[in-house]
Amino acid sequence: MQQYFKLLSAFCAALLLVACAGTSTPSKQEMILGVWSGDIAGQSIVLEYTETEVVVESFGVSFPYEWVDDDSIRLDAMGQVVVSTVEFPSADQMVQRSPQGVQTLRRVRP
């Protein structure tokens, strides 16, 4: 009987390891998607990131962006091109760093 429980425990542990190995963390390209809020130049804004554009909900405009590499995006806002490094300290916080400054956004919804 004791050997049965050891075998069952070993099987469960192996199953758990396989399940954990099969899950990967989402990429930054996946994490950026959704609706984010923050303050830019003292004004609260809501941004929706799709796969190819950023929609500024409060102004009703959108700007294209593209991934330069795994960590940086290039945003073209009416001819002004900005390259930002994107970091995710948590799933609900995004930090973008560019020569123009640091912008911290909080996730509103996925």
PDB file of N, CA and C in Angstrom:
ATOM      1  N   MET A   1       0.819  -1.185   0.000  1.00  0.00           N
ATOM      2  CA  MET A   1       0.000   0.000   0.000  1.00  0.00           C
ATOM      3  C   MET A   1       0.864   1.250   0.000  1.00  0.00           C
ATOM      4  N   GLN A   2       1.936   1.237   0.837  1.00  0.00           N
ATOM      5  CA  GLN A   2       2.817   2.388   0.924  1.00  0.00           C
ATOM      6  C   GLN A   2       3.529   2.611  -0.416  1.00  0.00           C
ATOM      7  N   GLN A   3       3.874   1.531  -1.084  1.00  0.00           N
ATOM      8  CA  GLN A   3       4.526   1.633  -2.381  1.00  0.00           C
ATOM      9  C   GLN A   3       3.559   2.251  -3.409  1.00  0.00           C
ATOM     10  N   TYR A   4       2.292   1.946  -3.303  1.00  0.00           N
ATOM     11  CA  TYR A   4       1.272   2.513  -4.192  1.00  0.00           C
ATOM     12  C   TYR A   4       1.233   4.027  -4.040  1.00  0.00           C
ATOM     13  N   PHE A   5       1.249   4.539  -2.807  1.00  0.00           N
ATOM     14  CA  PHE A   5       1.205   5.987  -2.571  1.00  0.00           C
ATOM     15  C   PHE A   5       2.473   6.662  -3.073  1.00  0.00           C
ATOM     16  N   LYS A   6       3.626   5.999  -2.942  1.00  0.00           N
ATOM     17  CA  LYS A   6       4.875   6.555  -3.468  1.00  0.00           C
ATOM     18  C   LYS A   6       4.807   6.666  -4.988  1.00  0.00           C
ATOM     19  N   LEU A   7       4.298   5.629  -5.617  1.00  0.00           N
ATOM     20  CA  LEU A   7       4.169   5.619  -7.064  1.00  0.00           C
ATOM     21  C   LEU A   7       3.183   6.686  -7.520  1.00  0.00           C
ATOM     22  N   LEU A   8       2.065   6.818  -6.824  1.00  0.00           N
ATOM     23  CA  LEU A   8       1.069   7.838  -7.153  1.00  0.00           C
ATOM     24  C   LEU A   8       1.646   9.243  -6.966  1.00  0.00           C
ATOM     25  N   SER A   9       2.397   9.454  -5.889  1.00  0.00           N
ATOM     26  CA  SER A   9       3.027  10.755  -5.637  1.00  0.00           C
ATOM     27  C   SER A   9       4.033  11.089  -6.725  1.00  0.00           C
ATOM     28  N   ALA A  10       4.830  10.117  -7.125  1.00  0.00           N
ATOM     29  CA  ALA A  10       5.820  10.336  -8.181  1.00  0.00           C
ATOM     30  C   ALA A  10       5.131  10.668  -9.501  1.00  0.00           C
ATOM     31  N   PHE A  11       4.047   9.978  -9.806  1.00  0.00           N
ATOM     32  CA  PHE A  11       3.293  10.244 -11.024  1.00  0.00           C
ATOM     33  C   PHE A  11       2.716  11.654 -11.012  1.00  0.00           C
ATOM     34  N   CYS A  12       2.143  12.067  -9.893  1.00  0.00           N
ATOM     35  CA  CYS A  12       1.571  13.410  -9.778  1.00  0.00           C
ATOM     36  C   CYS A  12       2.640  14.482  -9.907  1.00  0.00           C
ATOM     37  N   ALA A  13       3.803  14.254  -9.313  1.00  0.00           N
ATOM     38  CA  ALA A  13       4.911  15.216  -9.402  1.00  0.00           C
ATOM     39  C   ALA A  13       5.387  15.338 -10.844  1.00  0.00           C
ATOM     40  N   ALA A  14       5.502  14.210 -11.535  1.00  0.00           N
ATOM     41  CA  ALA A  14       5.924  14.229 -12.934  1.00  0.00           C
ATOM     42  C   ALA A  14       4.893  14.955 -13.801  1.00  0.00           C
ATOM     43  N   LEU A  15       3.638  14.718 -13.541  1.00  0.00           N
ATOM     44  CA  LEU A  15       2.565  15.385 -14.284  1.00  0.00           C
ATOM     45  C   LEU A  15       2.605  16.890 -14.071  1.00  0.00           C
ATOM     46  N   LEU A  16       2.855  17.310 -12.853  1.00  0.00           N
ATOM     47  CA  LEU A  16       2.951  18.727 -12.530  1.00  0.00           C
ATOM     48  C   LEU A  16       4.129  19.370 -13.259  1.00  0.00           C
ATOM     49  N   LEU A  17       5.271  18.691 -13.294  1.00  0.00           N
ATOM     50  CA  LEU A  17       6.441  19.221 -13.993  1.00  0.00           C
ATOM     51  C   LEU A  17       6.173  19.371 -15.483  1.00  0.00           C
ATOM     52  N   VAL A  18       5.527  18.403 -16.084  1.00  0.00           N
ATOM     53  CA  VAL A  18       5.197  18.479 -17.506  1.00  0.00           C
ATOM     54  C   VAL A  18       4.241  19.637 -17.758  1.00  0.00           C
ATOM     55  N   ALA A  19       3.263  19.825 -16.913  1.00  0.00           N
ATOM     56  CA  ALA A  19       2.301  20.914 -17.080  1.00  0.00           C
ATOM     57  C   ALA A  19       2.981  22.265 -16.949  1.00  0.00           C
ATOM     58  N   CYS A  20       3.882  22.408 -16.003  1.00  0.00           N
ATOM     59  CA  CYS A  20       4.589  23.685 -15.813  1.00  0.00           C
ATOM     60  C   CYS A  20       5.531  23.965 -16.977  1.00  0.00           C
ATOM     61  N   ALA A  21       6.179  22.947 -17.494  1.00  0.00           N
ATOM     62  CA  ALA A  21       7.098  23.130 -18.606  1.00  0.00           C
ATOM     63  C   ALA A  21       6.359  23.534 -19.874  1.00  0.00           C
ATOM     64  N   GLY A  22       5.112  23.150 -20.001  1.00  0.00           N
ATOM     65  CA  GLY A  22       4.336  23.455 -21.197  1.00  0.00           C
ATOM     66  C   GLY A  22       3.785  24.871 -21.224  1.00  0.00           C
ATOM     67  N   THR A  23       3.792  25.576 -20.113  1.00  0.00           N
ATOM     68  CA  THR A  23       3.275  26.935 -20.086  1.00  0.00           C
ATOM     69  C   THR A  23       4.432  27.917 -20.198  1.00  0.00           C
ATOM     70  N   SER A  24       4.293  28.859 -21.106  1.00  0.00           N
ATOM     71  CA  SER A  24       5.328  29.861 -21.254  1.00  0.00           C
ATOM     72  C   SER A  24       4.749  31.231 -20.944  1.00  0.00           C
ATOM     73  N   THR A  25       5.623  32.146 -20.595  1.00  0.00           N
ATOM     74  CA  THR A  25       5.162  33.497 -20.315  1.00  0.00           C
ATOM     75  C   THR A  25       4.855  34.183 -21.635  1.00  0.00           C
ATOM     76  N   PRO A  26       3.850  35.053 -21.641  1.00  0.00           N
ATOM     77  CA  PRO A  26       3.519  35.743 -22.886  1.00  0.00           C
ATOM     78  C   PRO A  26       4.638  36.701 -23.294  1.00  0.00           C
ATOM     79  N   SER A  27       4.761  36.916 -24.584  1.00  0.00           N
ATOM     80  CA  SER A  27       5.764  37.846 -25.099  1.00  0.00           C
ATOM     81  C   SER A  27       5.297  39.282 -24.866  1.00  0.00           C
ATOM     82  N   LYS A  28       6.208  40.218 -25.004  1.00  0.00           N
ATOM     83  CA  LYS A  28       5.839  41.623 -24.873  1.00  0.00           C
ATOM     84  C   LYS A  28       4.833  42.019 -25.947  1.00  0.00           C
ATOM     85  N   GLN A  29       4.952  41.407 -27.132  1.00  0.00           N
ATOM     86  CA  GLN A  29       4.003  41.683 -28.212  1.00  0.00           C
ATOM     87  C   GLN A  29       2.587  41.269 -27.823  1.00  0.00           C
ATOM     88  N   GLU A  30       2.464  40.240 -27.004  1.00  0.00           N
ATOM     89  CA  GLU A  30       1.154  39.815 -26.519  1.00  0.00           C
ATOM     90  C   GLU A  30       0.714  40.633 -25.319  1.00  0.00           C
ATOM     91  N   MET A  31       1.664  40.952 -24.427  1.00  0.00           N
ATOM     92  CA  MET A  31       1.314  41.674 -23.207  1.00  0.00           C
ATOM     93  C   MET A  31       0.855  43.110 -23.465  1.00  0.00           C
ATOM     94  N   ILE A  32       1.345  43.722 -24.538  1.00  0.00           N
ATOM     95  CA  ILE A  32       1.005  45.121 -24.800  1.00  0.00           C
ATOM     96  C   ILE A  32      -0.448  45.281 -25.247  1.00  0.00           C
ATOM     97  N   LEU A  33      -1.031  44.237 -25.798  1.00  0.00           N
ATOM     98  CA  LEU A  33      -2.394  44.321 -26.323  1.00  0.00           C
ATOM     99  C   LEU A  33      -3.399  44.609 -25.213  1.00  0.00           C
ATOM    100  N   GLY A  34      -4.306  45.542 -25.462  1.00  0.00           N
ATOM    101  CA  GLY A  34      -5.330  45.870 -24.478  1.00  0.00           C
ATOM    102  C   GLY A  34      -5.430  47.363 -24.254  1.00  0.00           C
ATOM    103  N   VAL A  35      -6.146  47.721 -23.212  1.00  0.00           N
ATOM    104  CA  VAL A  35      -6.409  49.124 -22.899  1.00  0.00           C
ATOM    105  C   VAL A  35      -5.609  49.518 -21.664  1.00  0.00           C
ATOM    106  N   TRP A  36      -4.914  50.651 -21.766  1.00  0.00           N
ATOM    107  CA  TRP A  36      -4.020  51.146 -20.728  1.00  0.00           C
ATOM    108  C   TRP A  36      -4.366  52.594 -20.406  1.00  0.00           C
ATOM    109  N   SER A  37      -4.134  53.002 -19.164  1.00  0.00           N
ATOM    110  CA  SER A  37      -4.354  54.407 -18.791  1.00  0.00           C
ATOM    111  C   SER A  37      -3.095  54.950 -18.141  1.00  0.00           C
ATOM    112  N   GLY A  38      -2.938  56.269 -18.265  1.00  0.00           N
ATOM    113  CA  GLY A  38      -1.791  56.918 -17.661  1.00  0.00           C
ATOM    114  C   GLY A  38      -1.904  58.418 -17.787  1.00  0.00           C
ATOM    115  N   ASP A  39      -0.891  59.103 -17.331  1.00  0.00           N
ATOM    116  CA  ASP A  39      -0.825  60.560 -17.419  1.00  0.00           C
ATOM    117  C   ASP A  39       0.319  60.939 -18.341  1.00  0.00           C
ATOM    118  N   ILE A  40      -0.001  61.768 -19.320  1.00  0.00           N
ATOM    119  CA  ILE A  40       1.015  62.271 -20.236  1.00  0.00           C
ATOM    120  C   ILE A  40       0.915  63.785 -20.229  1.00  0.00           C
ATOM    121  N   ALA A  41       2.007  64.422 -19.895  1.00  0.00           N
ATOM    122  CA  ALA A  41       2.066  65.888 -19.815  1.00  0.00           C
ATOM    123  C   ALA A  41       0.949  66.424 -18.922  1.00  0.00           C
ATOM    124  N   GLY A  42       0.697  65.724 -17.802  1.00  0.00           N
ATOM    125  CA  GLY A  42      -0.304  66.178 -16.845  1.00  0.00           C
ATOM    126  C   GLY A  42      -1.741  65.897 -17.214  1.00  0.00           C
ATOM    127  N   GLN A  43      -1.963  65.192 -18.307  1.00  0.00           N
ATOM    128  CA  GLN A  43      -3.330  64.886 -18.737  1.00  0.00           C
ATOM    129  C   GLN A  43      -3.557  63.381 -18.707  1.00  0.00           C
ATOM    130  N   SER A  44      -4.685  62.963 -18.115  1.00  0.00           N
ATOM    131  CA  SER A  44      -5.045  61.543 -18.092  1.00  0.00           C
ATOM    132  C   SER A  44      -5.498  61.109 -19.482  1.00  0.00           C
ATOM    133  N   ILE A  45      -4.953  59.980 -19.928  1.00  0.00           N
ATOM    134  CA  ILE A  45      -5.350  59.455 -21.231  1.00  0.00           C
ATOM    135  C   ILE A  45      -5.586  57.951 -21.129  1.00  0.00           C
ATOM    136  N   VAL A  46      -6.341  57.449 -22.077  1.00  0.00           N
ATOM    137  CA  VAL A  46      -6.592  56.016 -22.200  1.00  0.00           C
ATOM    138  C   VAL A  46      -6.135  55.603 -23.592  1.00  0.00           C
ATOM    139  N   LEU A  47      -5.267  54.602 -23.639  1.00  0.00           N
ATOM    140  CA  LEU A  47      -4.703  54.115 -24.895  1.00  0.00           C
ATOM    141  C   LEU A  47      -5.106  52.667 -25.105  1.00  0.00           C
ATOM    142  N   GLU A  48      -5.502  52.340 -26.311  1.00  0.00           N
ATOM    143  CA  GLU A  48      -5.760  50.942 -26.650  1.00  0.00           C
ATOM    144  C   GLU A  48      -4.718  50.489 -27.657  1.00  0.00           C
ATOM    145  N   TYR A  49      -3.957  49.484 -27.267  1.00  0.00           N
ATOM    146  CA  TYR A  49      -2.943  48.918 -28.149  1.00  0.00           C
ATOM    147  C   TYR A  49      -3.523  47.709 -28.867  1.00  0.00           C
ATOM    148  N   THR A  50      -3.560  47.782 -30.203  1.00  0.00           N
ATOM    149  CA  THR A  50      -3.898  46.617 -31.012  1.00  0.00           C
ATOM    150  C   THR A  50      -2.569  46.059 -31.530  1.00  0.00           C
ATOM    151  N   GLU A  51      -2.612  45.149 -32.457  1.00  0.00           N
ATOM    152  CA  GLU A  51      -1.372  44.568 -32.972  1.00  0.00           C
ATOM    153  C   GLU A  51      -0.579  45.543 -33.833  1.00  0.00           C
ATOM    154  N   THR A  52      -1.239  46.591 -34.369  1.00  0.00           N
ATOM    155  CA  THR A  52      -0.544  47.498 -35.290  1.00  0.00           C
ATOM    156  C   THR A  52      -0.712  48.976 -34.989  1.00  0.00           C
ATOM    157  N   GLU A  53      -1.598  49.321 -34.050  1.00  0.00           N
ATOM    158  CA  GLU A  53      -1.804  50.737 -33.789  1.00  0.00           C
ATOM    159  C   GLU A  53      -2.148  51.010 -32.331  1.00  0.00           C
ATOM    160  N   VAL A  54      -1.968  52.278 -31.969  1.00  0.00           N
ATOM    161  CA  VAL A  54      -2.344  52.767 -30.652  1.00  0.00           C
ATOM    162  C   VAL A  54      -3.497  53.734 -30.866  1.00  0.00           C
ATOM    163  N   VAL A  55      -4.631  53.446 -30.220  1.00  0.00           N
ATOM    164  CA  VAL A  55      -5.802  54.315 -30.320  1.00  0.00           C
ATOM    165  C   VAL A  55      -5.849  55.166 -29.056  1.00  0.00           C
ATOM    166  N   VAL A  56      -5.846  56.486 -29.240  1.00  0.00           N
ATOM    167  CA  VAL A  56      -5.962  57.407 -28.104  1.00  0.00           C
ATOM    168  C   VAL A  56      -7.447  57.682 -27.954  1.00  0.00           C
ATOM    169  N   GLU A  57      -8.088  56.968 -27.027  1.00  0.00           N
ATOM    170  CA  GLU A  57      -9.550  56.992 -26.918  1.00  0.00           C
ATOM    171  C   GLU A  57     -10.105  58.381 -26.635  1.00  0.00           C
ATOM    172  N   SER A  58      -9.441  59.142 -25.787  1.00  0.00           N
ATOM    173  CA  SER A  58      -9.986  60.453 -25.417  1.00  0.00           C
ATOM    174  C   SER A  58      -9.930  61.461 -26.565  1.00  0.00           C
ATOM    175  N   PHE A  59      -9.051  61.239 -27.559  1.00  0.00           N
ATOM    176  CA  PHE A  59      -8.955  62.157 -28.694  1.00  0.00           C
ATOM    177  C   PHE A  59      -9.535  61.573 -29.972  1.00  0.00           C
ATOM    178  N   GLY A  60      -9.841  60.283 -29.961  1.00  0.00           N
ATOM    179  CA  GLY A  60     -10.413  59.649 -31.140  1.00  0.00           C
ATOM    180  C   GLY A  60      -9.448  59.547 -32.311  1.00  0.00           C
ATOM    181  N   VAL A  61      -8.156  59.450 -32.016  1.00  0.00           N
ATOM    182  CA  VAL A  61      -7.155  59.302 -33.070  1.00  0.00           C
ATOM    183  C   VAL A  61      -6.359  58.030 -32.832  1.00  0.00           C
ATOM    184  N   SER A  62      -5.695  57.571 -33.875  1.00  0.00           N
ATOM    185  CA  SER A  62      -4.842  56.397 -33.729  1.00  0.00           C
ATOM    186  C   SER A  62      -3.544  56.620 -34.489  1.00  0.00           C
ATOM    187  N   PHE A  63      -2.510  55.926 -34.033  1.00  0.00           N
ATOM    188  CA  PHE A  63      -1.195  56.027 -34.637  1.00  0.00           C
ATOM    189  C   PHE A  63      -0.634  54.629 -34.848  1.00  0.00           C
ATOM    190  N   PRO A  64       0.023  54.400 -35.990  1.00  0.00           N
ATOM    191  CA  PRO A  64       0.627  53.080 -36.203  1.00  0.00           C
ATOM    192  C   PRO A  64       1.883  52.913 -35.361  1.00  0.00           C
ATOM    193  N   TYR A  65       2.136  51.675 -34.979  1.00  0.00           N
ATOM    194  CA  TYR A  65       3.399  51.351 -34.322  1.00  0.00           C
ATOM    195  C   TYR A  65       3.859  50.006 -34.829  1.00  0.00           C
ATOM    196  N   GLU A  66       5.142  49.746 -34.649  1.00  0.00           N
ATOM    197  CA  GLU A  66       5.709  48.452 -35.024  1.00  0.00           C
ATOM    198  C   GLU A  66       6.814  48.096 -34.044  1.00  0.00           C
ATOM    199  N   TRP A  67       7.049  46.805 -33.903  1.00  0.00           N
ATOM    200  CA  TRP A  67       8.118  46.338 -33.030  1.00  0.00           C
ATOM    201  C   TRP A  67       9.430  46.432 -33.789  1.00  0.00           C
ATOM    202  N   VAL A  68      10.411  47.118 -33.183  1.00  0.00           N
ATOM    203  CA  VAL A  68      11.745  47.252 -33.768  1.00  0.00           C
ATOM    204  C   VAL A  68      12.551  45.997 -33.451  1.00  0.00           C
ATOM    205  N   ASP A  69      12.400  45.513 -32.227  1.00  0.00           N
ATOM    206  CA  ASP A  69      13.025  44.279 -31.771  1.00  0.00           C
ATOM    207  C   ASP A  69      12.141  43.727 -30.654  1.00  0.00           C
ATOM    208  N   ASP A  70      12.626  42.792 -29.873  1.00  0.00           N
ATOM    209  CA  ASP A  70      11.802  42.178 -28.820  1.00  0.00           C
ATOM    210  C   ASP A  70      11.441  43.140 -27.694  1.00  0.00           C
ATOM    211  N   ASP A  71      12.164  44.258 -27.583  1.00  0.00           N
ATOM    212  CA  ASP A  71      11.965  45.166 -26.450  1.00  0.00           C
ATOM    213  C   ASP A  71      11.528  46.577 -26.821  1.00  0.00           C
ATOM    214  N   SER A  72      11.529  46.933 -28.084  1.00  0.00           N
ATOM    215  CA  SER A  72      11.285  48.321 -28.474  1.00  0.00           C
ATOM    216  C   SER A  72      10.233  48.443 -29.566  1.00  0.00           C
ATOM    217  N   ILE A  73       9.450  49.529 -29.453  1.00  0.00           N
ATOM    218  CA  ILE A  73       8.464  49.844 -30.485  1.00  0.00           C
ATOM    219  C   ILE A  73       8.789  51.199 -31.101  1.00  0.00           C
ATOM    220  N   ARG A  74       8.379  51.365 -32.369  1.00  0.00           N
ATOM    221  CA  ARG A  74       8.496  52.634 -33.066  1.00  0.00           C
ATOM    222  C   ARG A  74       7.081  53.133 -33.328  1.00  0.00           C
ATOM    223  N   LEU A  75       6.765  54.297 -32.788  1.00  0.00           N
ATOM    224  CA  LEU A  75       5.446  54.907 -32.916  1.00  0.00           C
ATOM    225  C   LEU A  75       5.558  56.096 -33.855  1.00  0.00           C
ATOM    226  N   ASP A  76       4.657  56.172 -34.827  1.00  0.00           N
ATOM    227  CA  ASP A  76       4.637  57.301 -35.754  1.00  0.00           C
ATOM    228  C   ASP A  76       3.388  58.124 -35.467  1.00  0.00           C
ATOM    229  N   ALA A  77       3.573  59.222 -34.730  1.00  0.00           N
ATOM    230  CA  ALA A  77       2.450  60.093 -34.358  1.00  0.00           C
ATOM    231  C   ALA A  77       2.482  61.340 -35.236  1.00  0.00           C
ATOM    232  N   MET A  78       1.744  61.269 -36.327  1.00  0.00           N
ATOM    233  CA  MET A  78       1.630  62.380 -37.274  1.00  0.00           C
ATOM    234  C   MET A  78       3.001  62.897 -37.713  1.00  0.00           C
ATOM    235  N   GLY A  79       3.866  61.979 -38.119  1.00  0.00           N
ATOM    236  CA  GLY A  79       5.177  62.352 -38.619  1.00  0.00           C
ATOM    237  C   GLY A  79       6.261  62.435 -37.565  1.00  0.00           C
ATOM    238  N   GLN A  80       5.905  62.448 -36.298  1.00  0.00           N
ATOM    239  CA  GLN A  80       6.904  62.443 -35.234  1.00  0.00           C
ATOM    240  C   GLN A  80       7.140  60.987 -34.825  1.00  0.00           C
ATOM    241  N   VAL A  81       8.323  60.487 -35.125  1.00  0.00           N
ATOM    242  CA  VAL A  81       8.650  59.092 -34.840  1.00  0.00           C
ATOM    243  C   VAL A  81       9.363  59.001 -33.493  1.00  0.00           C
ATOM    244  N   VAL A  82       8.845  58.123 -32.634  1.00  0.00           N
ATOM    245  CA  VAL A  82       9.412  57.906 -31.302  1.00  0.00           C
ATOM    246  C   VAL A  82       9.689  56.419 -31.147  1.00  0.00           C
ATOM    247  N   VAL A  83      10.892  56.093 -30.697  1.00  0.00           N
ATOM    248  CA  VAL A  83      11.240  54.701 -30.384  1.00  0.00           C
ATOM    249  C   VAL A  83      11.292  54.581 -28.869  1.00  0.00           C
ATOM    250  N   SER A  84      10.529  53.641 -28.326  1.00  0.00           N
ATOM    251  CA  SER A  84      10.445  53.433 -26.875  1.00  0.00           C
ATOM    252  C   SER A  84      10.811  52.002 -26.528  1.00  0.00           C
ATOM    253  N   THR A  85      11.526  51.858 -25.424  1.00  0.00           N
ATOM    254  CA  THR A  85      11.774  50.538 -24.849  1.00  0.00           C
ATOM    255  C   THR A  85      10.588  50.210 -23.947  1.00  0.00           C
ATOM    256  N   VAL A  86      10.038  49.016 -24.098  1.00  0.00           N
ATOM    257  CA  VAL A  86       8.841  48.608 -23.369  1.00  0.00           C
ATOM    258  C   VAL A  86       9.219  47.579 -22.308  1.00  0.00           C
ATOM    259  N   GLU A  87       8.772  47.828 -21.072  1.00  0.00           N
ATOM    260  CA  GLU A  87       9.005  46.904 -19.964  1.00  0.00           C
ATOM    261  C   GLU A  87       7.681  46.624 -19.273  1.00  0.00           C
ATOM    262  N   PHE A  88       7.558  45.446 -18.702  1.00  0.00           N
ATOM    263  CA  PHE A  88       6.370  45.060 -17.947  1.00  0.00           C
ATOM    264  C   PHE A  88       6.793  44.602 -16.554  1.00  0.00           C
ATOM    265  N   PRO A  89       6.840  45.535 -15.569  1.00  0.00           N
ATOM    266  CA  PRO A  89       7.155  45.127 -14.200  1.00  0.00           C
ATOM    267  C   PRO A  89       6.141  44.119 -13.655  1.00  0.00           C
ATOM    268  N   SER A  90       4.894  44.207 -14.153  1.00  0.00           N
ATOM    269  CA  SER A  90       3.854  43.236 -13.824  1.00  0.00           C
ATOM    270  C   SER A  90       2.914  43.163 -15.022  1.00  0.00           C
ATOM    271  N   ALA A  91       1.982  42.229 -14.985  1.00  0.00           N
ATOM    272  CA  ALA A  91       1.037  42.080 -16.099  1.00  0.00           C
ATOM    273  C   ALA A  91       0.118  43.303 -16.240  1.00  0.00           C
ATOM    274  N   ASP A  92      -0.022  44.086 -15.178  1.00  0.00           N
ATOM    275  CA  ASP A  92      -0.921  45.235 -15.199  1.00  0.00           C
ATOM    276  C   ASP A  92      -0.192  46.569 -15.202  1.00  0.00           C
ATOM    277  N   GLN A  93       1.114  46.556 -15.430  1.00  0.00           N
ATOM    278  CA  GLN A  93       1.872  47.803 -15.491  1.00  0.00           C
ATOM    279  C   GLN A  93       2.849  47.737 -16.657  1.00  0.00           C
ATOM    280  N   MET A  94       2.874  48.820 -17.457  1.00  0.00           N
ATOM    281  CA  MET A  94       3.793  48.928 -18.572  1.00  0.00           C
ATOM    282  C   MET A  94       4.586  50.214 -18.410  1.00  0.00           C
ATOM    283  N   VAL A  95       5.886  50.126 -18.635  1.00  0.00           N
ATOM    284  CA  VAL A  95       6.752  51.300 -18.589  1.00  0.00           C
ATOM    285  C   VAL A  95       7.397  51.444 -19.961  1.00  0.00           C
ATOM    286  N   GLN A  96       7.268  52.629 -20.553  1.00  0.00           N
ATOM    287  CA  GLN A  96       7.905  52.921 -21.831  1.00  0.00           C
ATOM    288  C   GLN A  96       8.942  54.013 -21.610  1.00  0.00           C
ATOM    289  N   ARG A  97      10.170  53.743 -22.062  1.00  0.00           N
ATOM    290  CA  ARG A  97      11.269  54.701 -21.931  1.00  0.00           C
ATOM    291  C   ARG A  97      11.710  55.143 -23.321  1.00  0.00           C
ATOM    292  N   SER A  98      11.802  56.448 -23.497  1.00  0.00           N
ATOM    293  CA  SER A  98      12.251  57.012 -24.763  1.00  0.00           C
ATOM    294  C   SER A  98      13.079  58.258 -24.459  1.00  0.00           C
ATOM    295  N   PRO A  99      13.718  58.831 -25.466  1.00  0.00           N
ATOM    296  CA  PRO A  99      14.443  60.085 -25.235  1.00  0.00           C
ATOM    297  C   PRO A  99      13.523  61.214 -24.726  1.00  0.00           C
ATOM    298  N   GLN A 100      12.222  61.094 -24.966  1.00  0.00           N
ATOM    299  CA  GLN A 100      11.264  62.098 -24.502  1.00  0.00           C
ATOM    300  C   GLN A 100      10.894  61.922 -23.028  1.00  0.00           C
ATOM    301  N   GLY A 101      11.233  60.785 -22.439  1.00  0.00           N
ATOM    302  CA  GLY A 101      10.938  60.561 -21.030  1.00  0.00           C
ATOM    303  C   GLY A 101      10.430  59.163 -20.745  1.00  0.00           C
ATOM    304  N   VAL A 102       9.925  59.006 -19.530  1.00  0.00           N
ATOM    305  CA  VAL A 102       9.411  57.709 -19.058  1.00  0.00           C
ATOM    306  C   VAL A 102       7.913  57.822 -18.872  1.00  0.00           C
ATOM    307  N   GLN A 103       7.191  56.860 -19.400  1.00  0.00           N
ATOM    308  CA  GLN A 103       5.733  56.834 -19.292  1.00  0.00           C
ATOM    309  C   GLN A 103       5.332  55.529 -18.624  1.00  0.00           C
ATOM    310  N   THR A 104       4.558  55.623 -17.531  1.00  0.00           N
ATOM    311  CA  THR A 104       4.064  54.443 -16.834  1.00  0.00           C
ATOM    312  C   THR A 104       2.566  54.340 -17.059  1.00  0.00           C
ATOM    313  N   LEU A 105       2.122  53.180 -17.520  1.00  0.00           N
ATOM    314  CA  LEU A 105       0.710  52.943 -17.810  1.00  0.00           C
ATOM    315  C   LEU A 105       0.202  51.779 -16.977  1.00  0.00           C
ATOM    316  N   ARG A 106      -1.068  51.833 -16.642  1.00  0.00           N
ATOM    317  CA  ARG A 106      -1.728  50.751 -15.905  1.00  0.00           C
ATOM    318  C   ARG A 106      -2.802  50.137 -16.791  1.00  0.00           C
ATOM    319  N   ARG A 107      -2.888  48.794 -16.747  1.00  0.00           N
ATOM    320  CA  ARG A 107      -3.870  48.087 -17.585  1.00  0.00           C
ATOM    321  C   ARG A 107      -5.281  48.367 -17.073  1.00  0.00           C
ATOM    322  N   VAL A 108      -6.152  48.751 -18.011  1.00  0.00           N
ATOM    323  CA  VAL A 108      -7.568  48.958 -17.691  1.00  0.00           C
ATOM    324  C   VAL A 108      -8.331  47.670 -17.970  1.00  0.00           C
ATOM    325  N   ARG A 109      -8.052  47.084 -19.135  1.00  0.00           N
ATOM    326  CA  ARG A 109      -8.660  45.798 -19.495  1.00  0.00           C
ATOM    327  C   ARG A 109      -7.831  45.162 -20.605  1.00  0.00           C
ATOM    328  N   PRO A 110      -7.892  43.848 -20.687  1.00  0.00           N
ATOM    329  CA  PRO A 110      -7.125  43.140 -21.735  1.00  0.00           C
ATOM    330  C   PRO A 110      -7.651  43.435 -23.117  1.00  0.00           C
TER     331      PRO A 110
END
